[in-house]
Amino acid sequence: MKYLILIISFCFWSVGAQNMDLFEKGNTLYNEGQYADAIDQYQRLLDNGEHSAEVYFNLANAHYKMNHIAPSIYYYEKALQLKPNDKEIRNNANFARNMTIDAIDTVPEVGFARLFNNIINLMSYNAWAVTAISFVFIFVILFLLYRFASISNQKRVAFVVSGVSLALSFFSLFMAFQKQRLDINDRPAIVFVQESRVKAEPNLRSEEAFRLHEGTKVQVVDTLKNWKKIKLSDGTLGWIQSEDIKLLNNF
């Protein structure tokens, strides 16, 4: 058993060292202007299972330098999934989006829906779940204090705060389920062909609804065989062939 642990530890160390070497080689090649070779090194990192914001960001930068519109936007978006608040990634992603042809308006959320979604997105599903458990723990402690306290003021405060903690635990649990629902329904994708003819129905004989070009971001709302039903940021719906887009949630 001891030797097995040593062997496993050595394998993890070896893979980690190899990945670090690939990352440094990619960075060196990028700094030398050899962007295609740098892409190969970063891609090998992904093939080794190294999915990090830094790898995606550098890979996106290399594609951007070569004017690869769709891949650069795709990997910037992947980096933002892991580090959504990183200003440098956001800035570079905006530069890449400026290369796209399609100008699609965004329908803004207003009123209560916007406020509700902003609150949900304050934390991840796991963070909301941990928060709910934490409030339950606080409730139990305060309820025990209320149960065994001998001073009336202490009992009153413990009762009120324990009630608030229980309410917050239910609220956090509700938000966790809402966040999970949003995450499941969030299926973004990037158009990877130079031009795609989006259909009104999922077949080639159907009427053409509109056209999209590489780098445009869409939301996948349904799948039927080799077709994806997509939704644009302005609410427009259509069917696109699956091979024309690449899903962002696939790691």
Protein backbone atom coordinates (compact mmCIF):
# COMPACT_ATOMS: atom_id res chain seq x y z
CA MET A 1 0.00 0.00 0.00
CA LYS A 2 2.85 2.35 0.87
CA TYR A 3 4.53 1.75 -2.49
CA LEU A 4 1.23 2.24 -4.32
CA ILE A 5 0.80 5.67 -2.68
CA LEU A 6 4.36 6.58 -3.64
CA ILE A 7 3.78 5.54 -7.25
CA ILE A 8 0.53 7.53 -7.47
CA SER A 9 2.21 10.57 -5.90
CA PHE A 10 5.08 10.34 -8.37
CA CYS A 11 2.64 10.12 -11.31
CA PHE A 12 0.78 13.25 -10.16
CA TRP A 13 4.09 15.08 -9.67
CA SER A 14 5.31 13.96 -13.09
CA VAL A 15 2.12 15.11 -14.85
CA GLY A 16 2.22 18.42 -12.98
CA ALA A 17 5.85 19.00 -13.96
CA GLN A 18 5.09 18.13 -17.58
CA ASN A 19 2.14 20.54 -17.67
CA MET A 20 4.24 23.32 -16.19
CA ASP A 21 6.89 22.71 -18.82
CA LEU A 22 4.28 22.85 -21.60
CA PHE A 23 2.85 26.08 -20.19
CA GLU A 24 6.28 27.74 -20.02
CA LYS A 25 7.15 26.57 -23.55
CA GLY A 26 3.85 27.98 -24.80
CA ASN A 27 4.55 31.31 -23.12
CA THR A 28 8.05 31.45 -24.59
CA LEU A 29 6.78 30.71 -28.08
CA TYR A 30 4.04 33.32 -27.69
CA ASN A 31 6.54 35.99 -26.61
CA GLU A 32 8.66 35.12 -29.65
CA GLY A 33 5.68 35.64 -31.95
CA GLN A 34 5.37 31.94 -32.82
CA TYR A 35 1.65 31.88 -32.11
CA ALA A 36 0.76 28.67 -33.99
CA ASP A 37 3.40 26.71 -32.05
CA ALA A 38 2.24 28.32 -28.80
CA ILE A 39 -1.30 27.16 -29.57
CA ASP A 40 -0.03 23.60 -29.98
CA GLN A 41 1.59 23.70 -26.52
CA TYR A 42 -1.51 25.14 -24.82
CA GLN A 43 -3.72 22.61 -26.62
CA ARG A 44 -1.54 19.78 -25.31
CA LEU A 45 -2.15 21.15 -21.82
CA LEU A 46 -5.91 20.91 -22.37
CA ASP A 47 -5.48 17.38 -23.71
CA ASN A 48 -3.68 16.54 -20.45
CA GLY A 49 -6.70 17.73 -18.48
CA GLU A 50 -5.21 21.07 -17.40
CA HIS A 51 -8.25 23.35 -17.51
CA SER A 52 -7.38 26.68 -15.95
CA ALA A 53 -8.23 30.31 -16.65
CA GLU A 54 -4.56 31.03 -17.36
CA VAL A 55 -4.30 28.34 -20.05
CA TYR A 56 -7.56 29.40 -21.71
CA PHE A 57 -6.56 33.07 -21.55
CA ASN A 58 -3.16 32.51 -23.15
CA LEU A 59 -4.66 30.22 -25.77
CA ALA A 60 -7.25 32.89 -26.60
CA ASN A 61 -4.52 35.53 -26.87
CA ALA A 62 -2.57 33.39 -29.33
CA HIS A 63 -5.66 32.81 -31.48
CA TYR A 64 -6.45 36.54 -31.34
CA LYS A 65 -2.96 37.36 -32.63
CA MET A 66 -3.66 35.09 -35.60
CA ASN A 67 -7.08 36.68 -36.22
CA HIS A 68 -8.90 33.45 -35.40
CA ILE A 69 -12.21 35.05 -34.41
CA ALA A 70 -14.23 32.09 -33.15
CA PRO A 71 -11.45 30.28 -31.23
CA SER A 72 -10.26 33.48 -29.53
CA ILE A 73 -13.76 34.39 -28.33
CA TYR A 74 -14.43 30.79 -27.34
CA TYR A 75 -11.35 30.51 -25.12
CA TYR A 76 -11.83 33.98 -23.61
CA GLU A 77 -15.33 32.86 -22.65
CA LYS A 78 -13.90 29.66 -21.16
CA ALA A 79 -11.45 31.71 -19.11
CA LEU A 80 -14.29 33.94 -17.90
CA GLN A 81 -16.24 30.90 -16.76
CA LEU A 82 -13.41 30.17 -14.34
CA LYS A 83 -12.56 33.81 -13.47
CA PRO A 84 -15.68 35.88 -14.24
CA ASN A 85 -14.40 39.02 -12.49
CA ASP A 86 -10.96 39.17 -14.10
CA LYS A 87 -10.69 42.61 -15.73
CA GLU A 88 -7.86 41.68 -18.12
CA ILE A 89 -9.78 38.69 -19.49
CA ARG A 90 -12.91 40.82 -19.87
CA ASN A 91 -11.03 43.58 -21.72
CA ASN A 92 -9.37 41.17 -24.14
CA ALA A 93 -12.67 39.36 -24.71
CA ASN A 94 -14.29 42.65 -25.66
CA PHE A 95 -11.53 43.34 -28.20
CA ALA A 96 -12.12 39.89 -29.71
CA ARG A 97 -15.90 40.42 -29.87
CA ASN A 98 -15.30 43.59 -31.88
CA MET A 99 -14.07 41.37 -34.73
CA THR A 100 -17.47 39.72 -35.15
CA ILE A 101 -19.84 40.72 -37.94
CA ASP A 102 -23.23 40.16 -36.33
CA ALA A 103 -24.62 43.13 -34.41
CA ILE A 104 -27.28 41.74 -32.10
CA ASP A 105 -29.06 43.85 -29.53
CA THR A 106 -29.37 42.63 -25.96
CA VAL A 107 -32.76 42.71 -24.28
CA PRO A 108 -32.03 43.99 -20.76
CA GLU A 109 -33.71 42.54 -17.70
CA VAL A 110 -35.76 45.09 -15.79
CA GLY A 111 -37.52 45.41 -12.48
CA PHE A 112 -37.86 42.51 -10.07
CA ALA A 113 -36.51 39.88 -12.50
CA ARG A 114 -33.20 41.73 -12.82
CA LEU A 115 -32.89 42.21 -9.05
CA PHE A 116 -33.79 38.57 -8.37
CA ASN A 117 -31.25 37.21 -10.88
CA ASN A 118 -28.55 39.54 -9.56
CA ILE A 119 -29.08 38.16 -6.05
CA ILE A 120 -29.02 34.56 -7.30
CA ASN A 121 -25.75 35.16 -9.16
CA LEU A 122 -24.03 36.62 -6.11
CA MET A 123 -22.84 33.10 -5.26
CA SER A 124 -22.47 29.71 -6.86
CA TYR A 125 -24.82 26.79 -6.20
CA ASN A 126 -22.32 25.26 -3.76
CA ALA A 127 -21.84 28.57 -1.93
CA TRP A 128 -25.60 29.00 -1.46
CA ALA A 129 -25.84 25.41 -0.18
CA VAL A 130 -23.00 25.93 2.32
CA THR A 131 -24.64 29.18 3.46
CA ALA A 132 -27.92 27.34 4.08
CA ILE A 133 -26.15 24.68 6.15
CA SER A 134 -24.30 27.37 8.13
CA PHE A 135 -27.56 29.11 9.04
CA VAL A 136 -29.08 25.78 10.11
CA PHE A 137 -26.08 25.23 12.41
CA ILE A 138 -26.52 28.73 13.88
CA PHE A 139 -30.23 28.03 14.37
CA VAL A 140 -29.50 24.83 16.30
CA ILE A 141 -26.98 26.56 18.59
CA LEU A 142 -29.30 29.49 19.30
CA PHE A 143 -32.30 27.24 19.83
CA LEU A 144 -30.36 25.26 22.41
CA LEU A 145 -29.36 28.53 24.06
CA TYR A 146 -33.02 29.57 24.11
CA ARG A 147 -34.04 26.18 25.52
CA PHE A 148 -31.58 26.17 28.39
CA ALA A 149 -31.06 29.88 29.12
CA SER A 150 -32.37 31.01 32.49
CA ILE A 151 -32.41 34.77 31.85
CA SER A 152 -35.51 35.99 30.02
CA ASN A 153 -33.63 38.59 27.92
CA GLN A 154 -31.21 35.92 26.69
CA LYS A 155 -34.10 33.60 25.82
CA ARG A 156 -35.87 36.36 23.91
CA VAL A 157 -32.79 37.33 21.89
CA ALA A 158 -31.89 33.69 21.20
CA PHE A 159 -35.45 32.95 20.05
CA VAL A 160 -35.60 35.93 17.68
CA VAL A 161 -32.14 35.39 16.17
CA SER A 162 -32.69 31.64 15.83
CA GLY A 163 -35.92 32.35 13.95
CA VAL A 164 -34.09 34.73 11.63
CA SER A 165 -31.35 32.12 11.07
CA LEU A 166 -33.92 29.48 10.19
CA ALA A 167 -35.61 31.85 7.72
CA LEU A 168 -32.24 32.70 6.14
CA SER A 169 -31.40 29.01 5.84
CA PHE A 170 -34.63 28.38 3.90
CA PHE A 171 -33.94 31.46 1.77
CA SER A 172 -30.38 30.27 0.99
CA LEU A 173 -31.65 26.79 0.14
CA PHE A 174 -34.24 28.29 -2.21
CA MET A 175 -31.54 30.40 -3.87
CA ALA A 176 -29.32 27.35 -4.24
CA PHE A 177 -32.03 25.53 -6.19
CA GLN A 178 -32.69 28.63 -8.30
CA LYS A 179 -28.98 28.96 -9.07
CA GLN A 180 -28.85 25.29 -10.04
CA ARG A 181 -31.81 25.83 -12.38
CA LEU A 182 -30.12 28.83 -14.00
CA ASP A 183 -26.86 26.91 -14.44
CA ILE A 184 -28.66 23.96 -16.06
CA ASN A 185 -30.53 26.24 -18.47
CA ASP A 186 -27.38 28.24 -19.27
CA ARG A 187 -25.96 26.50 -22.36
CA PRO A 188 -23.90 29.10 -24.24
CA ALA A 189 -22.14 28.29 -27.50
CA ILE A 190 -19.98 30.03 -30.09
CA VAL A 191 -20.55 29.89 -33.85
CA PHE A 192 -17.44 28.26 -35.37
CA VAL A 193 -18.15 28.44 -39.09
CA GLN A 194 -17.61 31.50 -41.25
CA GLU A 195 -21.32 31.69 -42.00
CA SER A 196 -24.23 29.57 -40.80
CA ARG A 197 -27.74 29.57 -42.24
CA VAL A 198 -30.14 29.32 -39.32
CA LYS A 199 -33.43 27.63 -40.18
CA ALA A 200 -36.98 28.17 -38.95
CA GLU A 201 -37.32 24.40 -38.40
CA PRO A 202 -34.74 21.61 -37.79
CA ASN A 203 -34.29 20.46 -41.39
CA LEU A 204 -32.43 21.63 -44.48
CA ARG A 205 -35.64 22.13 -46.49
CA SER A 206 -36.97 24.61 -43.96
CA GLU A 207 -37.10 28.34 -44.61
CA GLU A 208 -33.98 30.29 -43.71
CA ALA A 209 -34.65 32.45 -40.65
CA PHE A 210 -31.39 34.41 -40.55
CA ARG A 211 -27.63 34.00 -40.86
CA LEU A 212 -24.93 34.04 -38.23
CA HIS A 213 -21.17 34.43 -38.56
CA GLU A 214 -18.19 33.11 -36.67
CA GLY A 215 -17.65 34.27 -33.12
CA THR A 216 -21.30 35.05 -32.34
CA LYS A 217 -22.45 33.81 -28.96
CA VAL A 218 -25.80 32.01 -28.71
CA GLN A 219 -27.81 30.10 -26.13
CA VAL A 220 -28.81 26.50 -26.86
CA VAL A 221 -32.37 25.85 -25.69
CA ASP A 222 -33.14 22.51 -27.33
CA THR A 223 -31.58 19.65 -29.30
CA LEU A 224 -33.07 17.47 -32.02
CA LYS A 225 -30.74 14.95 -33.63
CA ASN A 226 -28.00 17.00 -35.36
CA TRP A 227 -29.80 20.31 -34.84
CA LYS A 228 -29.68 22.82 -32.00
CA LYS A 229 -32.41 25.32 -31.25
CA ILE A 230 -30.69 28.57 -30.38
CA LYS A 231 -31.71 31.86 -28.85
CA LEU A 232 -29.95 35.15 -29.52
CA SER A 233 -29.45 37.91 -26.97
CA ASP A 234 -32.36 39.82 -28.52
CA GLY A 235 -34.70 36.85 -28.05
CA THR A 236 -34.68 35.63 -31.67
CA LEU A 237 -35.02 31.82 -32.05
CA GLY A 238 -33.86 29.47 -34.80
CA TRP A 239 -32.38 26.06 -35.58
CA ILE A 240 -28.69 25.62 -36.41
CA GLN A 241 -26.73 22.52 -37.38
CA SER A 242 -24.83 21.14 -34.38
CA GLU A 243 -21.47 21.11 -36.16
CA ASP A 244 -21.71 24.87 -36.75
CA ILE A 245 -21.37 25.73 -33.05
CA LYS A 246 -19.22 24.70 -30.10
CA LEU A 247 -20.70 24.51 -26.61
CA LEU A 248 -18.85 26.44 -23.89
CA ASN A 249 -19.86 24.20 -21.00
CA ASN A 250 -17.94 21.21 -22.37
CA PHE A 251 -14.60 20.79 -20.55
